[in-house]
């Protein structure tokens, strides 16, 4: 097992996460239904030549992940906007900066 995988599994154990299941790409292709079923219980790492190349997850898990990313992005954008306003950036100046093609 690669050092990185062992490290991530150790971190997962300490953080009380179950290690992600792994499946070879060829096996995933040949047993796609089984892969879909396994993904309902948690993300499954798809590997090629021992290297992680993708993840299969349930739709509810994906939607939660996507929602969390969106919330983080909007919070970051709001914080940056507040900081820019506090430093004197106006909407007019921002528009001028965005349309300046020089």
PDB file of N, CA and C in Angstrom:
ATOM      1  N   UNK A   1       0.859  -1.179   0.000  1.00  0.00           N
ATOM      2  CA  UNK A   1       0.000   0.000   0.000  1.00  0.00           C
ATOM      3  C   UNK A   1       0.902   1.239   0.000  1.00  0.00           C
ATOM      4  N   UNK A   2       0.549   2.207  -0.828  1.00  0.00           N
ATOM      5  CA  UNK A   2       1.339   3.429  -0.923  1.00  0.00           C
ATOM      6  C   UNK A   2       1.346   4.173   0.405  1.00  0.00           C
ATOM      7  N   UNK A   3       2.442   4.879   0.671  1.00  0.00           N
ATOM      8  CA  UNK A   3       2.590   5.629   1.914  1.00  0.00           C
ATOM      9  C   UNK A   3       1.457   6.637   2.078  1.00  0.00           C
ATOM     10  N   UNK A   4       1.088   7.315   0.993  1.00  0.00           N
ATOM     11  CA  UNK A   4       0.021   8.322   1.062  1.00  0.00           C
ATOM     12  C   UNK A   4      -1.300   7.681   1.493  1.00  0.00           C
ATOM     13  N   UNK A   5      -1.608   6.542   0.929  1.00  0.00           N
ATOM     14  CA  UNK A   5      -2.854   5.843   1.271  1.00  0.00           C
ATOM     15  C   UNK A   5      -2.824   5.419   2.733  1.00  0.00           C
ATOM     16  N   UNK A   6      -1.687   4.884   3.179  1.00  0.00           N
ATOM     17  CA  UNK A   6      -1.571   4.483   4.585  1.00  0.00           C
ATOM     18  C   UNK A   6      -1.741   5.684   5.497  1.00  0.00           C
ATOM     19  N   UNK A   7      -1.141   6.816   5.113  1.00  0.00           N
ATOM     20  CA  UNK A   7      -1.262   8.037   5.911  1.00  0.00           C
ATOM     21  C   UNK A   7      -2.717   8.495   5.974  1.00  0.00           C
ATOM     22  N   UNK A   8      -3.388   8.540   4.826  1.00  0.00           N
ATOM     23  CA  UNK A   8      -4.786   8.984   4.800  1.00  0.00           C
ATOM     24  C   UNK A   8      -5.680   8.048   5.605  1.00  0.00           C
ATOM     25  N   UNK A   9      -5.425   6.759   5.531  1.00  0.00           N
ATOM     26  CA  UNK A   9      -6.207   5.812   6.329  1.00  0.00           C
ATOM     27  C   UNK A   9      -5.966   6.018   7.819  1.00  0.00           C
ATOM     28  N   UNK A  10      -4.713   6.320   8.200  1.00  0.00           N
ATOM     29  CA  UNK A  10      -4.404   6.582   9.610  1.00  0.00           C
ATOM     30  C   UNK A  10      -5.102   7.848  10.085  1.00  0.00           C
ATOM     31  N   UNK A  11      -5.073   8.893   9.264  1.00  0.00           N
ATOM     32  CA  UNK A  11      -5.759  10.142   9.616  1.00  0.00           C
ATOM     33  C   UNK A  11      -7.254   9.892   9.737  1.00  0.00           C
ATOM     34  N   UNK A  12      -7.807   9.128   8.806  1.00  0.00           N
ATOM     35  CA  UNK A  12      -9.237   8.815   8.840  1.00  0.00           C
ATOM     36  C   UNK A  12      -9.605   8.081  10.120  1.00  0.00           C
ATOM     37  N   UNK A  13      -8.754   7.157  10.543  1.00  0.00           N
ATOM     38  CA  UNK A  13      -9.025   6.396  11.762  1.00  0.00           C
ATOM     39  C   UNK A  13      -9.014   7.318  12.977  1.00  0.00           C
ATOM     40  N   UNK A  14      -8.025   8.206  13.054  1.00  0.00           N
ATOM     41  CA  UNK A  14      -7.930   9.145  14.174  1.00  0.00           C
ATOM     42  C   UNK A  14      -9.113  10.101  14.167  1.00  0.00           C
ATOM     43  N   UNK A  15      -9.515  10.541  12.977  1.00  0.00           N
ATOM     44  CA  UNK A  15     -10.628  11.488  12.854  1.00  0.00           C
ATOM     45  C   UNK A  15     -11.979  10.784  12.923  1.00  0.00           C
ATOM     46  N   UNK A  16     -11.951   9.478  13.161  1.00  0.00           N
ATOM     47  CA  UNK A  16     -13.168   8.675  13.264  1.00  0.00           C
ATOM     48  C   UNK A  16     -13.913   8.571  11.932  1.00  0.00           C
ATOM     49  N   UNK A  17     -13.185   8.594  10.831  1.00  0.00           N
ATOM     50  CA  UNK A  17     -13.753   8.354   9.510  1.00  0.00           C
ATOM     51  C   UNK A  17     -13.380   6.938   9.104  1.00  0.00           C
ATOM     52  N   UNK A  18     -14.269   6.273   8.430  1.00  0.00           N
ATOM     53  CA  UNK A  18     -13.914   4.962   7.888  1.00  0.00           C
ATOM     54  C   UNK A  18     -13.061   5.184   6.644  1.00  0.00           C
ATOM     55  N   UNK A  19     -12.016   4.355   6.438  1.00  0.00           N
ATOM     56  CA  UNK A  19     -11.226   4.500   5.219  1.00  0.00           C
ATOM     57  C   UNK A  19     -12.109   4.269   3.996  1.00  0.00           C
ATOM     58  N   UNK A  20     -11.827   4.984   2.935  1.00  0.00           N
ATOM     59  CA  UNK A  20     -12.613   4.861   1.716  1.00  0.00           C
ATOM     60  C   UNK A  20     -12.349   3.498   1.072  1.00  0.00           C
ATOM     61  N   UNK A  21     -13.420   2.861   0.634  1.00  0.00           N
ATOM     62  CA  UNK A  21     -13.261   1.607  -0.101  1.00  0.00           C
ATOM     63  C   UNK A  21     -12.552   1.917  -1.416  1.00  0.00           C
ATOM     64  N   UNK A  22     -11.823   0.922  -1.935  1.00  0.00           N
ATOM     65  CA  UNK A  22     -11.084   1.088  -3.180  1.00  0.00           C
ATOM     66  C   UNK A  22     -11.469  -0.039  -4.136  1.00  0.00           C
ATOM     67  N   UNK A  23     -11.499   0.289  -5.428  1.00  0.00           N
ATOM     68  CA  UNK A  23     -11.785  -0.717  -6.448  1.00  0.00           C
ATOM     69  C   UNK A  23     -10.960  -0.372  -7.690  1.00  0.00           C
ATOM     70  N   UNK A  24     -10.389  -1.382  -8.314  1.00  0.00           N
ATOM     71  CA  UNK A  24      -9.625  -1.177  -9.544  1.00  0.00           C
ATOM     72  C   UNK A  24     -10.582  -0.812 -10.677  1.00  0.00           C
ATOM     73  N   UNK A  25     -10.128   0.015 -11.596  1.00  0.00           N
ATOM     74  CA  UNK A  25     -10.968   0.485 -12.702  1.00  0.00           C
ATOM     75  C   UNK A  25     -11.529  -0.680 -13.510  1.00  0.00           C
ATOM     76  N   UNK A  26     -10.716  -1.679 -13.771  1.00  0.00           N
ATOM     77  CA  UNK A  26     -11.180  -2.838 -14.550  1.00  0.00           C
ATOM     78  C   UNK A  26     -12.312  -3.556 -13.806  1.00  0.00           C
ATOM     79  N   UNK A  27     -12.155  -3.727 -12.499  1.00  0.00           N
ATOM     80  CA  UNK A  27     -13.202  -4.370 -11.704  1.00  0.00           C
ATOM     81  C   UNK A  27     -14.450  -3.493 -11.661  1.00  0.00           C
ATOM     82  N   UNK A  28     -14.253  -2.178 -11.560  1.00  0.00           N
ATOM     83  CA  UNK A  28     -15.392  -1.252 -11.551  1.00  0.00           C
ATOM     84  C   UNK A  28     -16.184  -1.375 -12.850  1.00  0.00           C
ATOM     85  N   UNK A  29     -15.462  -1.511 -13.962  1.00  0.00           N
ATOM     86  CA  UNK A  29     -16.116  -1.663 -15.264  1.00  0.00           C
ATOM     87  C   UNK A  29     -16.905  -2.971 -15.321  1.00  0.00           C
ATOM     88  N   UNK A  30     -16.276  -4.045 -14.856  1.00  0.00           N
ATOM     89  CA  UNK A  30     -16.907  -5.363 -14.941  1.00  0.00           C
ATOM     90  C   UNK A  30     -18.025  -5.563 -13.922  1.00  0.00           C
ATOM     91  N   UNK A  31     -17.980  -4.818 -12.824  1.00  0.00           N
ATOM     92  CA  UNK A  31     -18.969  -4.981 -11.752  1.00  0.00           C
ATOM     93  C   UNK A  31     -19.605  -3.633 -11.409  1.00  0.00           C
ATOM     94  N   UNK A  32     -20.049  -2.920 -12.430  1.00  0.00           N
ATOM     95  CA  UNK A  32     -20.550  -1.561 -12.239  1.00  0.00           C
ATOM     96  C   UNK A  32     -21.725  -1.502 -11.268  1.00  0.00           C
ATOM     97  N   UNK A  33     -22.634  -2.444 -11.351  1.00  0.00           N
ATOM     98  CA  UNK A  33     -23.778  -2.475 -10.432  1.00  0.00           C
ATOM     99  C   UNK A  33     -23.338  -2.607  -8.985  1.00  0.00           C
ATOM    100  N   UNK A  34     -22.338  -3.450  -8.757  1.00  0.00           N
ATOM    101  CA  UNK A  34     -21.791  -3.617  -7.410  1.00  0.00           C
ATOM    102  C   UNK A  34     -21.156  -2.316  -6.931  1.00  0.00           C
ATOM    103  N   UNK A  35     -20.453  -1.633  -7.839  1.00  0.00           N
ATOM    104  CA  UNK A  35     -19.845  -0.342  -7.502  1.00  0.00           C
ATOM    105  C   UNK A  35     -20.921   0.669  -7.113  1.00  0.00           C
ATOM    106  N   UNK A  36     -22.001   0.731  -7.881  1.00  0.00           N
ATOM    107  CA  UNK A  36     -23.099   1.649  -7.548  1.00  0.00           C
ATOM    108  C   UNK A  36     -23.681   1.333  -6.173  1.00  0.00           C
ATOM    109  N   UNK A  37     -23.865   0.057  -5.882  1.00  0.00           N
ATOM    110  CA  UNK A  37     -24.388  -0.341  -4.573  1.00  0.00           C
ATOM    111  C   UNK A  37     -23.430   0.058  -3.456  1.00  0.00           C
ATOM    112  N   UNK A  38     -22.140  -0.184  -3.654  1.00  0.00           N
ATOM    113  CA  UNK A  38     -21.141   0.160  -2.634  1.00  0.00           C
ATOM    114  C   UNK A  38     -21.107   1.663  -2.392  1.00  0.00           C
ATOM    115  N   UNK A  39     -21.292   2.447  -3.448  1.00  0.00           N
ATOM    116  CA  UNK A  39     -21.245   3.909  -3.326  1.00  0.00           C
ATOM    117  C   UNK A  39     -22.400   4.453  -2.490  1.00  0.00           C
ATOM    118  N   UNK A  40     -23.461   3.679  -2.344  1.00  0.00           N
ATOM    119  CA  UNK A  40     -24.575   4.131  -1.511  1.00  0.00           C
ATOM    120  C   UNK A  40     -24.187   4.155  -0.036  1.00  0.00           C
ATOM    121  N   UNK A  41     -23.182   3.366   0.326  1.00  0.00           N
ATOM    122  CA  UNK A  41     -22.718   3.316   1.715  1.00  0.00           C
ATOM    123  C   UNK A  41     -21.590   4.284   2.010  1.00  0.00           C
ATOM    124  N   UNK A  42     -21.068   4.923   0.989  1.00  0.00           N
ATOM    125  CA  UNK A  42     -19.968   5.874   1.163  1.00  0.00           C
ATOM    126  C   UNK A  42     -19.153   5.939  -0.109  1.00  0.00           C
ATOM    127  N   UNK A  43     -18.352   6.981  -0.257  1.00  0.00           N
ATOM    128  CA  UNK A  43     -17.551   7.133  -1.474  1.00  0.00           C
ATOM    129  C   UNK A  43     -16.628   5.933  -1.695  1.00  0.00           C
ATOM    130  N   UNK A  44     -16.426   5.594  -2.958  1.00  0.00           N
ATOM    131  CA  UNK A  44     -15.542   4.498  -3.340  1.00  0.00           C
ATOM    132  C   UNK A  44     -14.478   5.060  -4.282  1.00  0.00           C
ATOM    133  N   UNK A  45     -13.224   4.831  -3.942  1.00  0.00           N
ATOM    134  CA  UNK A  45     -12.097   5.294  -4.746  1.00  0.00           C
ATOM    135  C   UNK A  45     -11.852   4.306  -5.882  1.00  0.00           C
ATOM    136  N   UNK A  46     -11.792   4.806  -7.112  1.00  0.00           N
ATOM    137  CA  UNK A  46     -11.493   3.968  -8.272  1.00  0.00           C
ATOM    138  C   UNK A  46     -10.014   4.167  -8.603  1.00  0.00           C
ATOM    139  N   UNK A  47      -9.291   3.052  -8.745  1.00  0.00           N
ATOM    140  CA  UNK A  47      -7.847   3.132  -8.983  1.00  0.00           C
ATOM    141  C   UNK A  47      -7.483   2.549 -10.342  1.00  0.00           C
ATOM    142  N   UNK A  48      -6.381   3.036 -10.867  1.00  0.00           N
ATOM    143  CA  UNK A  48      -5.802   2.476 -12.082  1.00  0.00           C
ATOM    144  C   UNK A  48      -4.314   2.310 -11.818  1.00  0.00           C
ATOM    145  N   UNK A  49      -3.833   1.094 -11.930  1.00  0.00           N
ATOM    146  CA  UNK A  49      -2.426   0.782 -11.639  1.00  0.00           C
ATOM    147  C   UNK A  49      -2.037   1.248 -10.241  1.00  0.00           C
ATOM    148  N   UNK A  50      -2.975   1.085  -9.288  1.00  0.00           N
ATOM    149  CA  UNK A  50      -2.717   1.431  -7.895  1.00  0.00           C
ATOM    150  C   UNK A  50      -2.838   2.905  -7.566  1.00  0.00           C
ATOM    151  N   UNK A  51      -3.126   3.736  -8.562  1.00  0.00           N
ATOM    152  CA  UNK A  51      -3.219   5.183  -8.359  1.00  0.00           C
ATOM    153  C   UNK A  51      -4.687   5.617  -8.378  1.00  0.00           C
ATOM    154  N   UNK A  52      -5.090   6.427  -7.415  1.00  0.00           N
ATOM    155  CA  UNK A  52      -6.470   6.915  -7.362  1.00  0.00           C
ATOM    156  C   UNK A  52      -6.743   7.804  -8.575  1.00  0.00           C
ATOM    157  N   UNK A  53      -7.816   7.488  -9.311  1.00  0.00           N
ATOM    158  CA  UNK A  53      -8.149   8.261 -10.510  1.00  0.00           C
ATOM    159  C   UNK A  53      -9.571   8.819 -10.486  1.00  0.00           C
ATOM    160  N   UNK A  54     -10.380   8.385  -9.540  1.00  0.00           N
ATOM    161  CA  UNK A  54     -11.747   8.880  -9.476  1.00  0.00           C
ATOM    162  C   UNK A  54     -12.444   8.415  -8.216  1.00  0.00           C
ATOM    163  N   UNK A  55     -13.629   8.960  -8.024  1.00  0.00           N
ATOM    164  CA  UNK A  55     -14.439   8.598  -6.861  1.00  0.00           C
ATOM    165  C   UNK A  55     -15.879   8.430  -7.317  1.00  0.00           C
ATOM    166  N   UNK A  56     -16.499   7.361  -6.865  1.00  0.00           N
ATOM    167  CA  UNK A  56     -17.930   7.154  -7.099  1.00  0.00           C
ATOM    168  C   UNK A  56     -18.621   7.369  -5.763  1.00  0.00           C
ATOM    169  N   UNK A  57     -19.677   8.193  -5.771  1.00  0.00           N
ATOM    170  CA  UNK A  57     -20.420   8.444  -4.538  1.00  0.00           C
ATOM    171  C   UNK A  57     -21.901   8.529  -4.845  1.00  0.00           C
ATOM    172  N   UNK A  58     -22.709   8.389  -3.809  1.00  0.00           N
ATOM    173  CA  UNK A  58     -24.155   8.481  -3.977  1.00  0.00           C
ATOM    174  C   UNK A  58     -24.535   9.922  -4.308  1.00  0.00           C
ATOM    175  N   UNK A  59     -25.686  10.083  -4.921  1.00  0.00           N
ATOM    176  CA  UNK A  59     -26.157  11.421  -5.265  1.00  0.00           C
ATOM    177  C   UNK A  59     -26.386  12.278  -4.019  1.00  0.00           C
ATOM    178  N   UNK A  60     -26.997  11.753  -2.949  1.00  0.00           N
ATOM    179  CA  UNK A  60     -27.149  12.583  -1.748  1.00  0.00           C
ATOM    180  C   UNK A  60     -25.804  13.044  -1.178  1.00  0.00           C
ATOM    181  N   UNK A  61     -24.795  12.159  -1.214  1.00  0.00           N
ATOM    182  CA  UNK A  61     -23.467  12.543  -0.722  1.00  0.00           C
ATOM    183  C   UNK A  61     -22.886  13.653  -1.602  1.00  0.00           C
ATOM    184  N   UNK A  62     -23.011  13.501  -2.917  1.00  0.00           N
ATOM    185  CA  UNK A  62     -22.518  14.514  -3.852  1.00  0.00           C
ATOM    186  C   UNK A  62     -23.214  15.853  -3.620  1.00  0.00           C
ATOM    187  N   UNK A  63     -24.532  15.820  -3.436  1.00  0.00           N
ATOM    188  CA  UNK A  63     -25.276  17.065  -3.224  1.00  0.00           C
ATOM    189  C   UNK A  63     -24.858  17.750  -1.926  1.00  0.00           C
ATOM    190  N   UNK A  64     -24.611  16.971  -0.857  1.00  0.00           N
ATOM    191  CA  UNK A  64     -24.115  17.567   0.395  1.00  0.00           C
ATOM    192  C   UNK A  64     -22.741  18.193   0.188  1.00  0.00           C
ATOM    193  N   UNK A  65     -21.874  17.478  -0.513  1.00  0.00           N
ATOM    194  CA  UNK A  65     -20.530  17.985  -0.790  1.00  0.00           C
ATOM    195  C   UNK A  65     -20.590  19.257  -1.626  1.00  0.00           C
ATOM    196  N   UNK A  66     -21.398  19.230  -2.664  1.00  0.00           N
ATOM    197  CA  UNK A  66     -21.545  20.401  -3.533  1.00  0.00           C
ATOM    198  C   UNK A  66     -22.113  21.584  -2.751  1.00  0.00           C
ATOM    199  N   UNK A  67     -23.085  21.339  -1.895  1.00  0.00           N
ATOM    200  CA  UNK A  67     -23.658  22.402  -1.070  1.00  0.00           C
ATOM    201  C   UNK A  67     -22.638  22.996  -0.123  1.00  0.00           C
ATOM    202  N   UNK A  68     -21.807  22.143   0.479  1.00  0.00           N
ATOM    203  CA  UNK A  68     -20.776  22.629   1.401  1.00  0.00           C
ATOM    204  C   UNK A  68     -19.756  23.486   0.667  1.00  0.00           C
ATOM    205  N   UNK A  69     -19.373  23.063  -0.532  1.00  0.00           N
ATOM    206  CA  UNK A  69     -18.417  23.849  -1.328  1.00  0.00           C
ATOM    207  C   UNK A  69     -19.035  25.196  -1.695  1.00  0.00           C
ATOM    208  N   UNK A  70     -20.300  25.187  -2.098  1.00  0.00           N
ATOM    209  CA  UNK A  70     -20.975  26.431  -2.474  1.00  0.00           C
ATOM    210  C   UNK A  70     -21.066  27.385  -1.280  1.00  0.00           C
ATOM    211  N   UNK A  71     -21.427  26.853  -0.115  1.00  0.00           N
ATOM    212  CA  UNK A  71     -21.504  27.691   1.089  1.00  0.00           C
ATOM    213  C   UNK A  71     -20.150  28.304   1.414  1.00  0.00           C
ATOM    214  N   UNK A  72     -19.100  27.511   1.307  1.00  0.00           N
ATOM    215  CA  UNK A  72     -17.744  28.012   1.587  1.00  0.00           C
ATOM    216  C   UNK A  72     -17.351  29.088   0.581  1.00  0.00           C
ATOM    217  N   UNK A  73     -17.660  28.869  -0.692  1.00  0.00           N
ATOM    218  CA  UNK A  73     -17.340  29.840  -1.736  1.00  0.00           C
ATOM    219  C   UNK A  73     -18.077  31.150  -1.512  1.00  0.00           C
ATOM    220  N   UNK A  74     -19.374  31.084  -1.238  1.00  0.00           N
ATOM    221  CA  UNK A  74     -20.130  32.323  -1.042  1.00  0.00           C
ATOM    222  C   UNK A  74     -19.687  33.048   0.222  1.00  0.00           C
ATOM    223  N   UNK A  75     -19.349  32.323   1.276  1.00  0.00           N
ATOM    224  CA  UNK A  75     -18.847  32.960   2.501  1.00  0.00           C
ATOM    225  C   UNK A  75     -17.526  33.668   2.228  1.00  0.00           C
ATOM    226  N   UNK A  76     -16.653  33.032   1.451  1.00  0.00           N
ATOM    227  CA  UNK A  76     -15.371  33.646   1.096  1.00  0.00           C
ATOM    228  C   UNK A  76     -15.590  34.887   0.243  1.00  0.00           C
ATOM    229  N   UNK A  77     -16.493  34.800  -0.727  1.00  0.00           N
ATOM    230  CA  UNK A  77     -16.782  35.958  -1.583  1.00  0.00           C
ATOM    231  C   UNK A  77     -17.362  37.105  -0.767  1.00  0.00           C
ATOM    232  N   UNK A  78     -18.266  36.806   0.161  1.00  0.00           N
ATOM    233  CA  UNK A  78     -18.843  37.846   1.017  1.00  0.00           C
ATOM    234  C   UNK A  78     -17.768  38.516   1.863  1.00  0.00           C
ATOM    235  N   UNK A  79     -16.880  37.714   2.443  1.00  0.00           N
ATOM    236  CA  UNK A  79     -15.804  38.262   3.279  1.00  0.00           C
ATOM    237  C   UNK A  79     -14.872  39.142   2.454  1.00  0.00           C
ATOM    238  N   UNK A  80     -14.542  38.700   1.243  1.00  0.00           N
ATOM    239  CA  UNK A  80     -13.682  39.508   0.374  1.00  0.00           C
ATOM    240  C   UNK A  80     -14.372  40.806  -0.031  1.00  0.00           C
ATOM    241  N   UNK A  81     -15.669  40.728  -0.309  1.00  0.00           N
ATOM    242  CA  UNK A  81     -16.426  41.925  -0.664  1.00  0.00           C
ATOM    243  C   UNK A  81     -16.456  42.936   0.467  1.00  0.00           C
ATOM    244  N   UNK A  82     -16.660  42.446   1.682  1.00  0.00           N
ATOM    245  CA  UNK A  82     -16.669  43.339   2.845  1.00  0.00           C
ATOM    246  C   UNK A  82     -15.303  43.984   3.049  1.00  0.00           C
ATOM    247  N   UNK A  83     -14.247  43.198   2.881  1.00  0.00           N
ATOM    248  CA  UNK A  83     -12.896  43.738   3.043  1.00  0.00           C
ATOM    249  C   UNK A  83     -12.594  44.766   1.952  1.00  0.00           C
ATOM    250  N   UNK A  84     -13.005  44.478   0.719  1.00  0.00           N
ATOM    251  CA  UNK A  84     -12.784  45.413  -0.384  1.00  0.00           C
ATOM    252  C   UNK A  84     -13.537  46.716  -0.139  1.00  0.00           C
ATOM    253  N   UNK A  85     -14.783  46.618   0.319  1.00  0.00           N
ATOM    254  CA  UNK A  85     -15.568  47.824   0.625  1.00  0.00           C
ATOM    255  C   UNK A  85     -14.919  48.626   1.741  1.00  0.00           C
ATOM    256  N   UNK A  86     -14.441  47.937   2.768  1.00  0.00           N
ATOM    257  CA  UNK A  86     -13.787  48.615   3.890  1.00  0.00           C
ATOM    258  C   UNK A  86     -12.519  49.331   3.444  1.00  0.00           C
ATOM    259  N   UNK A  87     -11.904  48.838   2.376  1.00  0.00           N
ATOM    260  CA  UNK A  87     -10.693  49.468   1.848  1.00  0.00           C
ATOM    261  C   UNK A  87     -10.985  50.455   0.724  1.00  0.00           C
ATOM    262  N   UNK A  88     -12.268  50.777   0.528  1.00  0.00           N
ATOM    263  CA  UNK A  88     -12.640  51.832  -0.406  1.00  0.00           C
ATOM    264  C   UNK A  88     -12.975  51.403  -1.818  1.00  0.00           C
ATOM    265  N   UNK A  89     -13.068  50.124  -2.090  1.00  0.00           N
ATOM    266  CA  UNK A  89     -13.418  49.683  -3.438  1.00  0.00           C
ATOM    267  C   UNK A  89     -14.922  49.851  -3.639  1.00  0.00           C
ATOM    268  N   UNK A  90     -15.284  50.615  -4.645  1.00  0.00           N
ATOM    269  CA  UNK A  90     -16.699  50.825  -4.967  1.00  0.00           C
ATOM    270  C   UNK A  90     -17.090  49.923  -6.135  1.00  0.00           C
ATOM    271  N   UNK A  91     -18.400  49.773  -6.341  1.00  0.00           N
ATOM    272  CA  UNK A  91     -18.860  48.972  -7.474  1.00  0.00           C
ATOM    273  C   UNK A  91     -18.418  49.587  -8.791  1.00  0.00           C
ATOM    274  N   UNK A  92     -18.432  50.926  -8.864  1.00  0.00           N
ATOM    275  CA  UNK A  92     -18.004  51.608 -10.091  1.00  0.00           C
ATOM    276  C   UNK A  92     -16.525  51.327 -10.377  1.00  0.00           C
ATOM    277  N   UNK A  93     -15.689  51.384  -9.351  1.00  0.00           N
ATOM    278  CA  UNK A  93     -14.255  51.123  -9.534  1.00  0.00           C
ATOM    279  C   UNK A  93     -14.027  49.662  -9.913  1.00  0.00           C
ATOM    280  N   UNK A  94     -14.758  48.756  -9.295  1.00  0.00           N
ATOM    281  CA  UNK A  94     -14.639  47.344  -9.627  1.00  0.00           C
ATOM    282  C   UNK A  94     -15.024  47.103 -11.082  1.00  0.00           C
ATOM    283  N   UNK A  95     -16.116  47.704 -11.517  1.00  0.00           N
ATOM    284  CA  UNK A  95     -16.559  47.571 -12.910  1.00  0.00           C
ATOM    285  C   UNK A  95     -15.490  48.088 -13.862  1.00  0.00           C
ATOM    286  N   UNK A  96     -14.885  49.229 -13.520  1.00  0.00           N
ATOM    287  CA  UNK A  96     -13.822  49.791 -14.360  1.00  0.00           C
ATOM    288  C   UNK A  96     -12.626  48.841 -14.427  1.00  0.00           C
ATOM    289  N   UNK A  97     -12.274  48.255 -13.303  1.00  0.00           N
ATOM    290  CA  UNK A  97     -11.146  47.319 -13.282  1.00  0.00           C
ATOM    291  C   UNK A  97     -11.442  46.064 -14.107  1.00  0.00           C
ATOM    292  N   UNK A  98     -12.678  45.590 -14.033  1.00  0.00           N
ATOM    293  CA  UNK A  98     -13.042  44.374 -14.752  1.00  0.00           C
ATOM    294  C   UNK A  98     -13.156  44.583 -16.257  1.00  0.00           C
ATOM    295  N   UNK A  99     -13.501  45.786 -16.687  1.00  0.00           N
ATOM    296  CA  UNK A  99     -13.652  46.050 -18.122  1.00  0.00           C
ATOM    297  C   UNK A  99     -12.377  46.584 -18.756  1.00  0.00           C
ATOM    298  N   UNK A 100     -11.385  46.931 -17.951  1.00  0.00           N
ATOM    299  CA  UNK A 100     -10.114  47.443 -18.469  1.00  0.00           C
ATOM    300  C   UNK A 100      -9.359  46.300 -19.135  1.00  0.00           C
ATOM    301  N   UNK A 101      -9.102  46.425 -20.426  1.00  0.00           N
ATOM    302  CA  UNK A 101      -8.433  45.359 -21.166  1.00  0.00           C
ATOM    303  C   UNK A 101      -6.965  45.654 -21.421  1.00  0.00           C
ATOM    304  N   UNK A 102      -6.401  46.654 -20.757  1.00  0.00           N
ATOM    305  CA  UNK A 102      -4.986  46.978 -21.001  1.00  0.00           C
ATOM    306  C   UNK A 102      -4.062  46.102 -20.203  1.00  0.00           C
TER     307      UNK A 102
END
